[in-house]
Amino acid sequence: MSEALISLQQVTMQFEAQRVLHAIDLDIQRGQTVGIIGESGCGKTVLLKLIIGLLRPTVGRVIFDGKDLTKLSERELTRQRLRFGFLFQGAALFDSLSVYDNVAFGLRAQGRKSEAEIRELVCNRIQEVGLPLSVLDKKPAELSGGMKKRVGLARALALDPEVMLYDEPTTGLDPIMTDVINELILQTRRRRPVTSIIVTHEMKTVNKVSDRVVMLYPLSRLKPGEPQILFDGTPEQLRACADPRVRQFIEGEARDRLQELATKA
């Protein structure tokens, strides 16, 4: 197998006394679409932020395309981040800017294209995510949740990234709009050679768009010495996994967790 595009090596992340990730070893190959699943609070979003260099691990190394992100200067780290597109959980649009200016923001920051070239790219990306050009003059407050997600995706794709990171891309959306976002993720992969990492609770998204699934488990619920990555395999293997903790999550059943949560409260 070729050298991984992204490699987390014995990565531990701790915020003061709270350890969120422990001794994570994870290689992601170029062109893969990886779904990251697990209960709330198990470190999924923290994992994304480590991959893009927004956080530095307490222990361990994050390697991107042969470079150790933990050893790069802030300037070099910024250069590497431009190779990523990030669709944040709430789309993270700038409320005071129009849709056009939101999508154009990263392109202008790069300073490599004329305003005419930027306009053409913005229009192409907006249409690519299934929105009419009439939305370009609107502010985010005038858009539905699904439209905001698609504008956020257009903004990320405008930079033609090598890696797309999706943080809960379908949260808060109805079933139809959820499937629209899933189709756009698939469409993005078909149109350009992109490596995708998707943090999600939505099993339909996992099954539809992922070719590999990684499940994290909360550290507080592991026995001493147990690895935090509970499962790593294909969606087909996930559906057949016999581990009761995996089955509980993918089937969405509380079982003994209700009593456990009540005890902790």
Protein backbone atom coordinates (compact mmCIF):
# COMPACT_ATOMS: atom_id res chain seq x y z
CA MET A 1 0.00 0.00 0.00
CA SER A 2 1.27 3.50 -0.83
CA GLU A 3 2.26 5.97 1.87
CA ALA A 4 -0.77 7.41 3.65
CA LEU A 5 -1.78 10.98 2.79
CA ILE A 6 -2.79 11.55 6.43
CA SER A 7 -1.26 9.67 9.35
CA LEU A 8 -2.01 10.08 13.06
CA GLN A 9 0.69 8.39 15.11
CA GLN A 10 0.02 7.72 18.81
CA VAL A 11 -2.01 10.94 19.02
CA THR A 12 -3.31 11.95 22.42
CA MET A 13 -5.31 15.16 22.98
CA GLN A 14 -5.94 16.54 26.43
CA PHE A 15 -7.60 19.77 27.55
CA GLU A 16 -6.34 20.47 31.08
CA ALA A 17 -7.53 17.42 33.08
CA GLN A 18 -9.84 16.08 30.37
CA ARG A 19 -8.35 13.58 27.94
CA VAL A 20 -10.44 13.33 24.75
CA LEU A 21 -8.26 11.18 22.49
CA HIS A 22 -5.66 8.64 23.56
CA ALA A 23 -2.94 6.89 21.53
CA ILE A 24 -4.77 7.13 18.21
CA ASP A 25 -3.08 5.42 15.25
CA LEU A 26 -4.90 6.12 11.99
CA ASP A 27 -3.73 6.15 8.35
CA ILE A 28 -5.91 7.60 5.58
CA GLN A 29 -4.99 6.88 1.99
CA ARG A 30 -5.27 9.39 -0.83
CA GLY A 31 -8.72 9.26 -2.45
CA GLN A 32 -10.49 7.48 0.43
CA THR A 33 -13.84 8.61 1.80
CA VAL A 34 -13.77 7.89 5.53
CA GLY A 35 -16.77 8.19 7.85
CA ILE A 36 -15.90 8.92 11.50
CA ILE A 37 -18.68 7.85 13.86
CA GLY A 38 -19.18 7.54 17.60
CA GLU A 39 -21.10 8.98 20.53
CA SER A 40 -21.08 12.68 21.30
CA GLY A 41 -17.96 13.63 23.24
CA CYS A 42 -15.72 10.84 21.93
CA GLY A 43 -13.41 13.27 20.09
CA LYS A 44 -14.60 13.16 16.47
CA THR A 45 -14.49 16.93 15.82
CA VAL A 46 -11.23 17.21 17.77
CA LEU A 47 -9.81 14.61 15.37
CA LEU A 48 -10.76 16.79 12.38
CA LYS A 49 -9.14 19.86 13.95
CA LEU A 50 -5.95 17.91 14.56
CA ILE A 51 -5.88 16.76 10.93
CA ILE A 52 -6.11 20.32 9.63
CA GLY A 53 -3.69 21.69 12.23
CA LEU A 54 -6.18 23.85 14.12
CA LEU A 55 -5.11 21.91 17.23
CA ARG A 56 -1.72 20.44 18.07
CA PRO A 57 -1.74 17.08 19.84
CA THR A 58 -0.67 16.83 23.46
CA VAL A 59 1.32 13.74 22.48
CA GLY A 60 2.06 12.16 19.10
CA ARG A 61 2.40 13.30 15.49
CA VAL A 62 0.03 14.28 12.68
CA ILE A 63 1.61 13.70 9.26
CA PHE A 64 0.08 15.25 6.13
CA ASP A 65 1.62 14.35 2.79
CA GLY A 66 4.94 13.56 4.45
CA LYS A 67 5.05 16.73 6.59
CA ASP A 68 4.76 16.65 10.39
CA LEU A 69 2.15 19.35 11.10
CA THR A 70 3.24 19.51 14.73
CA LYS A 71 6.66 20.86 13.68
CA LEU A 72 5.62 23.43 11.05
CA SER A 73 5.75 27.17 11.56
CA GLU A 74 2.41 29.01 11.60
CA ARG A 75 3.14 30.37 8.12
CA GLU A 76 3.86 26.93 6.65
CA LEU A 77 0.88 25.47 8.50
CA THR A 78 -1.37 28.10 6.89
CA ARG A 79 -0.01 27.08 3.46
CA GLN A 80 -0.84 23.43 4.14
CA ARG A 81 -4.36 24.32 5.37
CA LEU A 82 -5.11 25.86 1.96
CA ARG A 83 -5.05 22.31 0.61
CA PHE A 84 -8.09 21.49 2.79
CA GLY A 85 -11.75 22.36 2.49
CA PHE A 86 -13.73 22.36 5.76
CA LEU A 87 -17.52 22.25 5.95
CA PHE A 88 -18.24 23.26 9.54
CA GLN A 89 -21.19 21.88 11.49
CA GLY A 90 -23.17 25.13 11.33
CA ALA A 91 -21.76 26.13 7.90
CA ALA A 92 -19.91 28.99 9.73
CA LEU A 93 -20.84 31.63 7.16
CA PHE A 94 -20.03 35.29 7.80
CA ASP A 95 -23.39 36.82 8.74
CA SER A 96 -22.47 40.31 7.53
CA LEU A 97 -21.38 39.15 4.05
CA SER A 98 -23.50 38.19 1.08
CA VAL A 99 -23.46 34.64 -0.25
CA TYR A 100 -21.20 35.84 -3.07
CA ASP A 101 -18.68 37.40 -0.70
CA ASN A 102 -18.75 34.33 1.56
CA VAL A 103 -17.85 32.00 -1.31
CA ALA A 104 -15.29 34.48 -2.68
CA PHE A 105 -13.63 35.02 0.71
CA GLY A 106 -10.96 32.32 0.49
CA LEU A 107 -10.19 33.07 -3.16
CA ARG A 108 -9.60 36.74 -2.36
CA ALA A 109 -7.44 35.79 0.62
CA GLN A 110 -5.22 33.71 -1.68
CA GLY A 111 -4.74 36.74 -3.93
CA ARG A 112 -4.05 34.64 -7.02
CA LYS A 113 -7.09 35.42 -9.17
CA SER A 114 -8.67 38.51 -10.67
CA GLU A 115 -12.15 39.56 -9.58
CA ALA A 116 -13.50 38.38 -12.96
CA GLU A 117 -11.98 34.93 -12.41
CA ILE A 118 -13.34 34.86 -8.87
CA ARG A 119 -16.85 35.72 -10.10
CA GLU A 120 -16.76 32.89 -12.62
CA LEU A 121 -15.59 30.41 -9.99
CA VAL A 122 -18.17 31.55 -7.42
CA CYS A 123 -21.01 31.22 -9.94
CA ASN A 124 -19.80 27.78 -11.02
CA ARG A 125 -19.54 26.48 -7.47
CA ILE A 126 -22.95 27.87 -6.44
CA GLN A 127 -24.56 26.11 -9.40
CA GLU A 128 -22.53 22.97 -8.69
CA VAL A 129 -24.18 22.64 -5.27
CA GLY A 130 -27.63 23.06 -6.79
CA LEU A 131 -28.37 26.68 -5.88
CA PRO A 132 -29.66 29.39 -8.25
CA LEU A 133 -27.50 32.45 -8.92
CA SER A 134 -30.26 34.57 -7.38
CA VAL A 135 -28.94 33.61 -3.91
CA LEU A 136 -25.63 35.42 -4.47
CA ASP A 137 -26.90 38.75 -3.12
CA LYS A 138 -28.66 37.24 -0.10
CA LYS A 139 -27.32 37.25 3.45
CA PRO A 140 -27.04 33.98 5.42
CA ALA A 141 -30.00 34.98 7.62
CA GLU A 142 -32.21 34.81 4.51
CA LEU A 143 -31.29 31.18 3.80
CA SER A 144 -32.68 27.88 5.07
CA GLY A 145 -30.43 25.45 6.95
CA GLY A 146 -29.95 23.30 3.86
CA MET A 147 -29.06 26.30 1.72
CA LYS A 148 -26.48 27.46 4.28
CA LYS A 149 -24.85 24.03 4.22
CA ARG A 150 -24.65 24.15 0.42
CA VAL A 151 -23.16 27.66 0.45
CA GLY A 152 -20.60 26.43 2.99
CA LEU A 153 -19.77 23.53 0.68
CA ALA A 154 -19.48 25.89 -2.32
CA ARG A 155 -17.07 28.07 -0.32
CA ALA A 156 -14.92 25.06 0.54
CA LEU A 157 -14.92 23.73 -3.03
CA ALA A 158 -14.04 27.14 -4.49
CA LEU A 159 -10.44 26.57 -3.32
CA ASP A 160 -10.34 23.24 -5.21
CA PRO A 161 -9.10 21.36 -2.11
CA GLU A 162 -7.22 18.06 -2.09
CA VAL A 163 -8.92 17.04 1.17
CA MET A 164 -12.50 17.75 2.24
CA LEU A 165 -13.40 17.64 5.93
CA TYR A 166 -17.10 17.49 6.80
CA ASP A 167 -18.21 18.07 10.41
CA GLU A 168 -21.77 16.78 10.84
CA PRO A 169 -22.81 17.93 7.33
CA THR A 170 -26.46 16.82 7.70
CA THR A 171 -27.20 17.83 11.31
CA GLY A 172 -30.57 19.60 11.63
CA LEU A 173 -31.68 18.82 8.09
CA ASP A 174 -34.83 16.98 7.01
CA PRO A 175 -34.45 13.55 5.31
CA ILE A 176 -34.68 14.95 1.76
CA MET A 177 -32.10 17.69 2.36
CA THR A 178 -29.89 15.15 4.14
CA ASP A 179 -29.89 13.08 0.98
CA VAL A 180 -29.16 16.19 -1.13
CA ILE A 181 -26.01 16.78 0.94
CA ASN A 182 -25.07 13.09 0.63
CA GLU A 183 -25.43 13.32 -3.14
CA LEU A 184 -23.28 16.46 -3.22
CA ILE A 185 -20.54 14.66 -1.27
CA LEU A 186 -20.65 11.84 -3.83
CA GLN A 187 -20.74 14.33 -6.70
CA THR A 188 -17.69 16.13 -5.31
CA ARG A 189 -15.77 12.84 -5.23
CA ARG A 190 -16.79 12.00 -8.80
CA ARG A 191 -15.81 15.40 -10.20
CA ARG A 192 -12.39 15.78 -8.60
CA PRO A 193 -9.78 13.51 -7.00
CA VAL A 194 -10.47 14.38 -3.37
CA THR A 195 -9.86 12.64 -0.06
CA SER A 196 -12.89 13.03 2.22
CA ILE A 197 -13.32 12.65 5.98
CA ILE A 198 -16.88 12.90 7.30
CA VAL A 199 -17.81 13.15 10.98
CA THR A 200 -21.44 12.12 11.31
CA HIS A 201 -24.08 10.46 13.49
CA GLU A 202 -26.24 9.76 10.43
CA MET A 203 -25.95 6.09 9.45
CA LYS A 204 -27.60 6.71 6.07
CA THR A 205 -24.75 9.11 5.26
CA VAL A 206 -22.17 6.54 6.41
CA ASN A 207 -23.66 3.80 4.24
CA LYS A 208 -24.18 5.97 1.18
CA VAL A 209 -20.93 7.93 0.88
CA SER A 210 -18.19 6.12 2.86
CA ASP A 211 -15.87 3.43 1.58
CA ARG A 212 -14.36 3.11 5.06
CA VAL A 213 -15.78 3.67 8.56
CA VAL A 214 -13.88 4.37 11.78
CA MET A 215 -15.75 4.29 15.10
CA LEU A 216 -14.37 6.04 18.18
CA TYR A 217 -15.49 5.23 21.71
CA PRO A 218 -15.51 7.55 24.75
CA LEU A 219 -12.40 7.05 26.89
CA SER A 220 -14.50 7.07 30.06
CA ARG A 221 -16.31 3.92 28.94
CA LEU A 222 -13.26 1.87 27.91
CA LYS A 223 -11.55 -0.73 30.04
CA PRO A 224 -7.86 -0.15 30.83
CA GLY A 225 -5.72 -0.91 27.79
CA GLU A 226 -8.63 -1.01 25.30
CA PRO A 227 -8.03 0.95 22.06
CA GLN A 228 -10.24 3.97 21.44
CA ILE A 229 -10.84 2.98 17.81
CA LEU A 230 -13.56 0.38 18.30
CA PHE A 231 -14.07 -0.42 14.60
CA ASP A 232 -12.23 0.22 11.34
CA GLY A 233 -13.56 -1.32 8.14
CA THR A 234 -16.06 -1.06 5.29
CA PRO A 235 -19.75 -0.15 5.74
CA GLU A 236 -20.57 -3.80 4.93
CA GLN A 237 -18.27 -5.01 7.70
CA LEU A 238 -19.78 -2.44 10.07
CA ARG A 239 -23.28 -3.81 9.46
CA ALA A 240 -22.02 -7.33 10.24
CA CYS A 241 -19.96 -6.34 13.32
CA ALA A 242 -20.90 -8.39 16.39
CA ASP A 243 -19.43 -6.03 19.03
CA PRO A 244 -22.47 -5.06 21.16
CA ARG A 245 -21.16 -1.48 21.57
CA VAL A 246 -20.98 -1.07 17.79
CA ARG A 247 -24.41 -2.64 17.30
CA GLN A 248 -25.92 -0.40 19.98
CA PHE A 249 -24.65 2.70 18.16
CA ILE A 250 -25.57 1.75 14.59
CA GLU A 251 -29.01 0.52 15.64
CA GLY A 252 -29.63 3.60 17.79
CA GLU A 253 -30.77 1.69 20.87
CA ALA A 254 -30.30 3.04 24.41
CA ARG A 255 -30.42 -0.38 26.14
CA ASP A 256 -28.46 -0.08 29.39
CA ARG A 257 -27.28 3.47 28.68
CA LEU A 258 -30.37 5.12 30.19
CA GLN A 259 -29.67 3.58 33.59
CA GLU A 260 -25.97 4.38 33.23
CA LEU A 261 -26.66 8.04 32.45
CA ALA A 262 -29.10 8.31 35.37
CA THR A 263 -26.45 6.89 37.72
CA LYS A 264 -23.89 9.46 36.56
CA ALA A 265 -26.37 12.32 36.97
